[in-house]
């Protein structure tokens, strides 16, 4: 017997919507495809966009698309003993 952990809650809700007739029965607001995102740099979103959205996911604006943050100097490299500033995407 399984506890049902292999199926996400969102998948269960989507399947329940389809079982009730889906959009054809007027359940229009039950499911919506995400097409705009406002959290990730475009390069970070690329993998998810290609795998999950077939390239349809777009950045909400240029601030999000190109946003970078600077991170303080990291730990010293064990071999060289150097610390370097690192730029990461938010």
PDB file of N, CA and C in Angstrom:
ATOM      1  N   UNK A   1       0.842  -1.174   0.000  1.00  0.00           N
ATOM      2  CA  UNK A   1       0.000   0.000   0.000  1.00  0.00           C
ATOM      3  C   UNK A   1       0.891   1.243   0.000  1.00  0.00           C
ATOM      4  N   UNK A   2       0.514   2.260  -0.772  1.00  0.00           N
ATOM      5  CA  UNK A   2       1.290   3.493  -0.812  1.00  0.00           C
ATOM      6  C   UNK A   2       0.510   4.607  -0.134  1.00  0.00           C
ATOM      7  N   UNK A   3       1.243   5.584   0.339  1.00  0.00           N
ATOM      8  CA  UNK A   3       0.624   6.714   1.023  1.00  0.00           C
ATOM      9  C   UNK A   3       0.233   7.823   0.050  1.00  0.00           C
ATOM     10  N   UNK A   4       0.529   7.647  -1.239  1.00  0.00           N
ATOM     11  CA  UNK A   4       0.158   8.657  -2.220  1.00  0.00           C
ATOM     12  C   UNK A   4       1.171   9.760  -2.399  1.00  0.00           C
ATOM     13  N   UNK A   5       2.377   9.567  -1.873  1.00  0.00           N
ATOM     14  CA  UNK A   5       3.395  10.607  -1.971  1.00  0.00           C
ATOM     15  C   UNK A   5       4.016  10.701  -3.359  1.00  0.00           C
ATOM     16  N   UNK A   6       3.749   9.749  -4.228  1.00  0.00           N
ATOM     17  CA  UNK A   6       4.323   9.764  -5.570  1.00  0.00           C
ATOM     18  C   UNK A   6       3.589  10.692  -6.519  1.00  0.00           C
ATOM     19  N   UNK A   7       2.457  11.243  -6.086  1.00  0.00           N
ATOM     20  CA  UNK A   7       1.671  12.141  -6.935  1.00  0.00           C
ATOM     21  C   UNK A   7       1.527  13.476  -6.209  1.00  0.00           C
ATOM     22  N   UNK A   8       1.910  14.565  -6.879  1.00  0.00           N
ATOM     23  CA  UNK A   8       1.843  15.881  -6.238  1.00  0.00           C
ATOM     24  C   UNK A   8       0.398  16.321  -6.014  1.00  0.00           C
ATOM     25  N   UNK A   9       0.217  17.220  -5.086  1.00  0.00           N
ATOM     26  CA  UNK A   9      -1.100  17.769  -4.805  1.00  0.00           C
ATOM     27  C   UNK A   9      -1.647  18.486  -6.040  1.00  0.00           C
ATOM     28  N   UNK A  10      -0.792  19.219  -6.750  1.00  0.00           N
ATOM     29  CA  UNK A  10      -1.255  19.922  -7.942  1.00  0.00           C
ATOM     30  C   UNK A  10      -1.709  18.948  -9.023  1.00  0.00           C
ATOM     31  N   UNK A  11      -1.010  17.825  -9.166  1.00  0.00           N
ATOM     32  CA  UNK A  11      -1.422  16.814 -10.146  1.00  0.00           C
ATOM     33  C   UNK A  11      -2.784  16.252  -9.758  1.00  0.00           C
ATOM     34  N   UNK A  12      -2.982  15.990  -8.457  1.00  0.00           N
ATOM     35  CA  UNK A  12      -4.271  15.468  -7.999  1.00  0.00           C
ATOM     36  C   UNK A  12      -5.403  16.451  -8.267  1.00  0.00           C
ATOM     37  N   UNK A  13      -5.147  17.732  -8.015  1.00  0.00           N
ATOM     38  CA  UNK A  13      -6.170  18.746  -8.273  1.00  0.00           C
ATOM     39  C   UNK A  13      -6.496  18.839  -9.758  1.00  0.00           C
ATOM     40  N   UNK A  14      -5.472  18.772 -10.609  1.00  0.00           N
ATOM     41  CA  UNK A  14      -5.701  18.824 -12.055  1.00  0.00           C
ATOM     42  C   UNK A  14      -6.528  17.631 -12.507  1.00  0.00           C
ATOM     43  N   UNK A  15      -6.200  16.450 -12.003  1.00  0.00           N
ATOM     44  CA  UNK A  15      -6.948  15.249 -12.374  1.00  0.00           C
ATOM     45  C   UNK A  15      -8.382  15.301 -11.859  1.00  0.00           C
ATOM     46  N   UNK A  16      -8.576  15.847 -10.661  1.00  0.00           N
ATOM     47  CA  UNK A  16      -9.936  15.983 -10.123  1.00  0.00           C
ATOM     48  C   UNK A  16     -10.745  16.950 -10.981  1.00  0.00           C
ATOM     49  N   UNK A  17     -10.103  18.018 -11.460  1.00  0.00           N
ATOM     50  CA  UNK A  17     -10.781  18.976 -12.339  1.00  0.00           C
ATOM     51  C   UNK A  17     -11.223  18.287 -13.627  1.00  0.00           C
ATOM     52  N   UNK A  18     -10.331  17.485 -14.194  1.00  0.00           N
ATOM     53  CA  UNK A  18     -10.683  16.759 -15.419  1.00  0.00           C
ATOM     54  C   UNK A  18     -11.810  15.762 -15.155  1.00  0.00           C
ATOM     55  N   UNK A  19     -11.790  15.108 -14.000  1.00  0.00           N
ATOM     56  CA  UNK A  19     -12.830  14.132 -13.668  1.00  0.00           C
ATOM     57  C   UNK A  19     -14.196  14.802 -13.556  1.00  0.00           C
ATOM     58  N   UNK A  20     -14.216  16.080 -13.177  1.00  0.00           N
ATOM     59  CA  UNK A  20     -15.474  16.822 -13.072  1.00  0.00           C
ATOM     60  C   UNK A  20     -15.867  17.456 -14.397  1.00  0.00           C
ATOM     61  N   UNK A  21     -15.147  17.148 -15.459  1.00  0.00           N
ATOM     62  CA  UNK A  21     -15.512  17.665 -16.761  1.00  0.00           C
ATOM     63  C   UNK A  21     -14.598  18.741 -17.286  1.00  0.00           C
ATOM     64  N   UNK A  22     -13.643  19.179 -16.479  1.00  0.00           N
ATOM     65  CA  UNK A  22     -12.668  20.166 -16.944  1.00  0.00           C
ATOM     66  C   UNK A  22     -13.303  21.447 -17.435  1.00  0.00           C
ATOM     67  N   UNK A  23     -12.649  22.062 -18.387  1.00  0.00           N
ATOM     68  CA  UNK A  23     -13.092  23.341 -18.913  1.00  0.00           C
ATOM     69  C   UNK A  23     -14.459  23.240 -19.578  1.00  0.00           C
ATOM     70  N   UNK A  24     -14.748  22.098 -20.209  1.00  0.00           N
ATOM     71  CA  UNK A  24     -16.028  21.955 -20.898  1.00  0.00           C
ATOM     72  C   UNK A  24     -17.222  22.066 -19.953  1.00  0.00           C
ATOM     73  N   UNK A  25     -17.025  21.818 -18.679  1.00  0.00           N
ATOM     74  CA  UNK A  25     -18.113  21.932 -17.691  1.00  0.00           C
ATOM     75  C   UNK A  25     -18.084  23.269 -16.965  1.00  0.00           C
ATOM     76  N   UNK A  26     -17.250  24.200 -17.439  1.00  0.00           N
ATOM     77  CA  UNK A  26     -17.227  25.524 -16.835  1.00  0.00           C
ATOM     78  C   UNK A  26     -16.180  25.715 -15.762  1.00  0.00           C
ATOM     79  N   UNK A  27     -15.286  24.763 -15.572  1.00  0.00           N
ATOM     80  CA  UNK A  27     -14.233  24.897 -14.564  1.00  0.00           C
ATOM     81  C   UNK A  27     -13.026  25.655 -15.132  1.00  0.00           C
ATOM     82  N   UNK A  28     -13.286  26.780 -15.758  1.00  0.00           N
ATOM     83  CA  UNK A  28     -12.254  27.541 -16.459  1.00  0.00           C
ATOM     84  C   UNK A  28     -11.143  28.002 -15.522  1.00  0.00           C
ATOM     85  N   UNK A  29     -11.469  28.429 -14.317  1.00  0.00           N
ATOM     86  CA  UNK A  29     -10.477  28.985 -13.412  1.00  0.00           C
ATOM     87  C   UNK A  29      -9.717  27.938 -12.606  1.00  0.00           C
ATOM     88  N   UNK A  30     -10.024  26.671 -12.803  1.00  0.00           N
ATOM     89  CA  UNK A  30      -9.378  25.630 -12.009  1.00  0.00           C
ATOM     90  C   UNK A  30      -7.914  25.462 -12.378  1.00  0.00           C
ATOM     91  N   UNK A  31      -7.564  25.641 -13.632  1.00  0.00           N
ATOM     92  CA  UNK A  31      -6.191  25.477 -14.088  1.00  0.00           C
ATOM     93  C   UNK A  31      -5.788  26.668 -14.939  1.00  0.00           C
ATOM     94  N   UNK A  32      -4.558  27.091 -14.776  1.00  0.00           N
ATOM     95  CA  UNK A  32      -4.026  28.165 -15.620  1.00  0.00           C
ATOM     96  C   UNK A  32      -2.546  27.895 -15.855  1.00  0.00           C
ATOM     97  N   UNK A  33      -2.118  28.098 -17.067  1.00  0.00           N
ATOM     98  CA  UNK A  33      -0.713  27.883 -17.406  1.00  0.00           C
ATOM     99  C   UNK A  33       0.099  29.127 -17.049  1.00  0.00           C
ATOM    100  N   UNK A  34       1.198  28.930 -16.375  1.00  0.00           N
ATOM    101  CA  UNK A  34       2.103  30.026 -16.056  1.00  0.00           C
ATOM    102  C   UNK A  34       2.852  30.401 -17.330  1.00  0.00           C
ATOM    103  N   UNK A  35       2.773  31.669 -17.718  1.00  0.00           N
ATOM    104  CA  UNK A  35       3.496  32.111 -18.909  1.00  0.00           C
ATOM    105  C   UNK A  35       4.455  33.259 -18.610  1.00  0.00           C
ATOM    106  N   UNK A  36       4.284  33.932 -17.480  1.00  0.00           N
ATOM    107  CA  UNK A  36       5.166  35.033 -17.089  1.00  0.00           C
ATOM    108  C   UNK A  36       5.727  34.745 -15.709  1.00  0.00           C
ATOM    109  N   UNK A  37       7.031  34.975 -15.541  1.00  0.00           N
ATOM    110  CA  UNK A  37       7.639  34.790 -14.231  1.00  0.00           C
ATOM    111  C   UNK A  37       8.423  36.053 -13.888  1.00  0.00           C
ATOM    112  N   UNK A  38       8.457  36.372 -12.591  1.00  0.00           N
ATOM    113  CA  UNK A  38       9.063  37.621 -12.128  1.00  0.00           C
ATOM    114  C   UNK A  38      10.136  37.386 -11.069  1.00  0.00           C
ATOM    115  N   UNK A  39      10.665  36.163 -10.963  1.00  0.00           N
ATOM    116  CA  UNK A  39      11.586  35.867  -9.874  1.00  0.00           C
ATOM    117  C   UNK A  39      13.000  35.508 -10.309  1.00  0.00           C
ATOM    118  N   UNK A  40      13.154  34.869 -11.460  1.00  0.00           N
ATOM    119  CA  UNK A  40      14.452  34.308 -11.832  1.00  0.00           C
ATOM    120  C   UNK A  40      15.079  35.030 -13.016  1.00  0.00           C
ATOM    121  N   UNK A  41      16.393  35.140 -12.973  1.00  0.00           N
ATOM    122  CA  UNK A  41      17.155  35.609 -14.126  1.00  0.00           C
ATOM    123  C   UNK A  41      16.828  34.685 -15.294  1.00  0.00           C
ATOM    124  N   UNK A  42      16.829  35.227 -16.478  1.00  0.00           N
ATOM    125  CA  UNK A  42      16.454  34.462 -17.666  1.00  0.00           C
ATOM    126  C   UNK A  42      17.284  33.189 -17.834  1.00  0.00           C
ATOM    127  N   UNK A  43      18.590  33.253 -17.543  1.00  0.00           N
ATOM    128  CA  UNK A  43      19.452  32.072 -17.691  1.00  0.00           C
ATOM    129  C   UNK A  43      19.089  30.966 -16.708  1.00  0.00           C
ATOM    130  N   UNK A  44      18.683  31.340 -15.508  1.00  0.00           N
ATOM    131  CA  UNK A  44      18.300  30.342 -14.513  1.00  0.00           C
ATOM    132  C   UNK A  44      16.961  29.705 -14.891  1.00  0.00           C
ATOM    133  N   UNK A  45      16.047  30.510 -15.397  1.00  0.00           N
ATOM    134  CA  UNK A  45      14.728  30.012 -15.784  1.00  0.00           C
ATOM    135  C   UNK A  45      14.784  29.135 -17.034  1.00  0.00           C
ATOM    136  N   UNK A  46      15.868  29.205 -17.782  1.00  0.00           N
ATOM    137  CA  UNK A  46      15.949  28.512 -19.069  1.00  0.00           C
ATOM    138  C   UNK A  46      15.694  27.006 -18.964  1.00  0.00           C
ATOM    139  N   UNK A  47      16.326  26.342 -18.015  1.00  0.00           N
ATOM    140  CA  UNK A  47      16.173  24.892 -17.890  1.00  0.00           C
ATOM    141  C   UNK A  47      14.711  24.518 -17.624  1.00  0.00           C
ATOM    142  N   UNK A  48      14.121  25.145 -16.642  1.00  0.00           N
ATOM    143  CA  UNK A  48      12.714  24.873 -16.307  1.00  0.00           C
ATOM    144  C   UNK A  48      11.817  25.223 -17.486  1.00  0.00           C
ATOM    145  N   UNK A  49      12.122  26.322 -18.143  1.00  0.00           N
ATOM    146  CA  UNK A  49      11.331  26.760 -19.274  1.00  0.00           C
ATOM    147  C   UNK A  49      11.333  25.713 -20.394  1.00  0.00           C
ATOM    148  N   UNK A  50      12.486  25.186 -20.701  1.00  0.00           N
ATOM    149  CA  UNK A  50      12.578  24.206 -21.782  1.00  0.00           C
ATOM    150  C   UNK A  50      11.938  22.865 -21.399  1.00  0.00           C
ATOM    151  N   UNK A  51      12.198  22.403 -20.175  1.00  0.00           N
ATOM    152  CA  UNK A  51      11.697  21.091 -19.748  1.00  0.00           C
ATOM    153  C   UNK A  51      10.199  21.104 -19.458  1.00  0.00           C
ATOM    154  N   UNK A  52       9.742  22.099 -18.736  1.00  0.00           N
ATOM    155  CA  UNK A  52       8.361  22.094 -18.255  1.00  0.00           C
ATOM    156  C   UNK A  52       7.388  22.915 -19.097  1.00  0.00           C
ATOM    157  N   UNK A  53       7.878  23.958 -19.755  1.00  0.00           N
ATOM    158  CA  UNK A  53       6.977  24.889 -20.430  1.00  0.00           C
ATOM    159  C   UNK A  53       7.171  24.943 -21.939  1.00  0.00           C
ATOM    160  N   UNK A  54       8.062  24.130 -22.469  1.00  0.00           N
ATOM    161  CA  UNK A  54       8.257  24.104 -23.916  1.00  0.00           C
ATOM    162  C   UNK A  54       8.662  25.445 -24.498  1.00  0.00           C
ATOM    163  N   UNK A  55       9.397  26.251 -23.712  1.00  0.00           N
ATOM    164  CA  UNK A  55       9.868  27.552 -24.190  1.00  0.00           C
ATOM    165  C   UNK A  55       8.849  28.665 -24.111  1.00  0.00           C
ATOM    166  N   UNK A  56       7.695  28.423 -23.493  1.00  0.00           N
ATOM    167  CA  UNK A  56       6.627  29.426 -23.445  1.00  0.00           C
ATOM    168  C   UNK A  56       6.717  30.369 -22.250  1.00  0.00           C
ATOM    169  N   UNK A  57       7.580  30.066 -21.277  1.00  0.00           N
ATOM    170  CA  UNK A  57       7.699  30.899 -20.082  1.00  0.00           C
ATOM    171  C   UNK A  57       8.562  32.120 -20.387  1.00  0.00           C
ATOM    172  N   UNK A  58       8.064  33.305 -20.076  1.00  0.00           N
ATOM    173  CA  UNK A  58       8.766  34.551 -20.359  1.00  0.00           C
ATOM    174  C   UNK A  58       9.043  35.310 -19.071  1.00  0.00           C
ATOM    175  N   UNK A  59      10.128  36.085 -19.071  1.00  0.00           N
ATOM    176  CA  UNK A  59      10.428  36.960 -17.934  1.00  0.00           C
ATOM    177  C   UNK A  59       9.452  38.131 -17.967  1.00  0.00           C
ATOM    178  N   UNK A  60       8.993  38.524 -16.792  1.00  0.00           N
ATOM    179  CA  UNK A  60       7.994  39.576 -16.693  1.00  0.00           C
ATOM    180  C   UNK A  60       8.473  40.937 -17.138  1.00  0.00           C
ATOM    181  N   UNK A  61       9.767  41.214 -16.959  1.00  0.00           N
ATOM    182  CA  UNK A  61      10.315  42.500 -17.381  1.00  0.00           C
ATOM    183  C   UNK A  61      11.843  42.402 -17.449  1.00  0.00           C
ATOM    184  N   UNK A  62      12.478  43.441 -17.961  1.00  0.00           N
ATOM    185  CA  UNK A  62      13.935  43.419 -18.124  1.00  0.00           C
ATOM    186  C   UNK A  62      14.675  43.428 -16.794  1.00  0.00           C
ATOM    187  N   UNK A  63      14.086  44.038 -15.755  1.00  0.00           N
ATOM    188  CA  UNK A  63      14.734  44.010 -14.435  1.00  0.00           C
ATOM    189  C   UNK A  63      14.931  42.575 -13.964  1.00  0.00           C
ATOM    190  N   UNK A  64      13.930  41.756 -14.149  1.00  0.00           N
ATOM    191  CA  UNK A  64      14.014  40.345 -13.770  1.00  0.00           C
ATOM    192  C   UNK A  64      14.940  39.602 -14.729  1.00  0.00           C
ATOM    193  N   UNK A  65      14.779  39.844 -15.994  1.00  0.00           N
ATOM    194  CA  UNK A  65      15.524  39.125 -17.025  1.00  0.00           C
ATOM    195  C   UNK A  65      17.035  39.249 -16.825  1.00  0.00           C
ATOM    196  N   UNK A  66      17.513  40.438 -16.427  1.00  0.00           N
ATOM    197  CA  UNK A  66      18.956  40.674 -16.358  1.00  0.00           C
ATOM    198  C   UNK A  66      19.487  40.922 -14.946  1.00  0.00           C
ATOM    199  N   UNK A  67      18.661  40.751 -13.938  1.00  0.00           N
ATOM    200  CA  UNK A  67      19.057  41.053 -12.559  1.00  0.00           C
ATOM    201  C   UNK A  67      20.237  40.191 -12.105  1.00  0.00           C
ATOM    202  N   UNK A  68      21.208  40.835 -11.479  1.00  0.00           N
ATOM    203  CA  UNK A  68      22.329  40.126 -10.875  1.00  0.00           C
ATOM    204  C   UNK A  68      22.562  40.729  -9.495  1.00  0.00           C
ATOM    205  N   UNK A  69      23.052  39.924  -8.600  1.00  0.00           N
ATOM    206  CA  UNK A  69      23.437  40.438  -7.297  1.00  0.00           C
ATOM    207  C   UNK A  69      24.884  40.057  -7.043  1.00  0.00           C
ATOM    208  N   UNK A  70      25.583  40.911  -6.329  1.00  0.00           N
ATOM    209  CA  UNK A  70      26.955  40.587  -5.970  1.00  0.00           C
ATOM    210  C   UNK A  70      26.959  39.959  -4.585  1.00  0.00           C
ATOM    211  N   UNK A  71      27.755  38.958  -4.457  1.00  0.00           N
ATOM    212  CA  UNK A  71      27.880  38.247  -3.196  1.00  0.00           C
ATOM    213  C   UNK A  71      29.241  38.597  -2.601  1.00  0.00           C
ATOM    214  N   UNK A  72      29.291  38.755  -1.293  1.00  0.00           N
ATOM    215  CA  UNK A  72      30.565  39.044  -0.640  1.00  0.00           C
ATOM    216  C   UNK A  72      31.584  37.972  -0.965  1.00  0.00           C
ATOM    217  N   UNK A  73      32.796  38.293  -0.712  1.00  0.00           N
ATOM    218  CA  UNK A  73      33.867  37.339  -0.980  1.00  0.00           C
ATOM    219  C   UNK A  73      33.576  36.019  -0.290  1.00  0.00           C
ATOM    220  N   UNK A  74      33.798  34.964  -1.026  1.00  0.00           N
ATOM    221  CA  UNK A  74      33.536  33.640  -0.497  1.00  0.00           C
ATOM    222  C   UNK A  74      34.711  33.121   0.303  1.00  0.00           C
ATOM    223  N   UNK A  75      34.620  31.886   0.680  1.00  0.00           N
ATOM    224  CA  UNK A  75      35.696  31.239   1.422  1.00  0.00           C
ATOM    225  C   UNK A  75      36.933  31.150   0.533  1.00  0.00           C
ATOM    226  N   UNK A  76      38.080  31.131   1.147  1.00  0.00           N
ATOM    227  CA  UNK A  76      39.318  31.035   0.386  1.00  0.00           C
ATOM    228  C   UNK A  76      39.443  29.670  -0.272  1.00  0.00           C
ATOM    229  N   UNK A  77      39.971  29.713  -1.473  1.00  0.00           N
ATOM    230  CA  UNK A  77      40.265  28.484  -2.193  1.00  0.00           C
ATOM    231  C   UNK A  77      41.369  27.760  -1.443  1.00  0.00           C
ATOM    232  N   UNK A  78      41.188  26.489  -1.169  1.00  0.00           N
ATOM    233  CA  UNK A  78      42.159  25.736  -0.357  1.00  0.00           C
ATOM    234  C   UNK A  78      43.528  25.639  -1.007  1.00  0.00           C
ATOM    235  N   UNK A  79      43.550  25.497  -2.329  1.00  0.00           N
ATOM    236  CA  UNK A  79      44.833  25.342  -3.016  1.00  0.00           C
ATOM    237  C   UNK A  79      45.556  26.670  -3.198  1.00  0.00           C
ATOM    238  N   UNK A  80      44.843  27.686  -3.699  1.00  0.00           N
ATOM    239  CA  UNK A  80      45.503  28.954  -4.009  1.00  0.00           C
ATOM    240  C   UNK A  80      45.508  29.922  -2.832  1.00  0.00           C
ATOM    241  N   UNK A  81      44.578  29.747  -1.891  1.00  0.00           N
ATOM    242  CA  UNK A  81      44.487  30.669  -0.762  1.00  0.00           C
ATOM    243  C   UNK A  81      43.808  31.985  -1.113  1.00  0.00           C
ATOM    244  N   UNK A  82      43.317  32.112  -2.355  1.00  0.00           N
ATOM    245  CA  UNK A  82      42.681  33.355  -2.793  1.00  0.00           C
ATOM    246  C   UNK A  82      41.186  33.346  -2.529  1.00  0.00           C
ATOM    247  N   UNK A  83      40.652  34.525  -2.302  1.00  0.00           N
ATOM    248  CA  UNK A  83      39.208  34.747  -2.237  1.00  0.00           C
ATOM    249  C   UNK A  83      38.841  35.611  -3.410  1.00  0.00           C
ATOM    250  N   UNK A  84      37.753  35.304  -4.055  1.00  0.00           N
ATOM    251  CA  UNK A  84      37.322  36.126  -5.170  1.00  0.00           C
ATOM    252  C   UNK A  84      35.861  36.470  -5.014  1.00  0.00           C
ATOM    253  N   UNK A  85      35.540  37.700  -5.417  1.00  0.00           N
ATOM    254  CA  UNK A  85      34.127  38.101  -5.401  1.00  0.00           C
ATOM    255  C   UNK A  85      33.384  37.254  -6.434  1.00  0.00           C
ATOM    256  N   UNK A  86      32.186  36.903  -6.097  1.00  0.00           N
ATOM    257  CA  UNK A  86      31.394  36.055  -6.963  1.00  0.00           C
ATOM    258  C   UNK A  86      30.130  36.792  -7.355  1.00  0.00           C
ATOM    259  N   UNK A  87      29.748  36.703  -8.599  1.00  0.00           N
ATOM    260  CA  UNK A  87      28.480  37.249  -9.038  1.00  0.00           C
ATOM    261  C   UNK A  87      27.534  36.092  -9.273  1.00  0.00           C
ATOM    262  N   UNK A  88      26.361  36.197  -8.688  1.00  0.00           N
ATOM    263  CA  UNK A  88      25.355  35.160  -8.900  1.00  0.00           C
ATOM    264  C   UNK A  88      24.075  35.841  -9.351  1.00  0.00           C
ATOM    265  N   UNK A  89      23.209  35.064  -9.944  1.00  0.00           N
ATOM    266  CA  UNK A  89      21.920  35.573 -10.370  1.00  0.00           C
ATOM    267  C   UNK A  89      20.918  35.397  -9.249  1.00  0.00           C
ATOM    268  N   UNK A  90      19.985  36.311  -9.177  1.00  0.00           N
ATOM    269  CA  UNK A  90      18.939  36.175  -8.156  1.00  0.00           C
ATOM    270  C   UNK A  90      17.802  35.388  -8.708  1.00  0.00           C
TER     271      UNK A  90
END
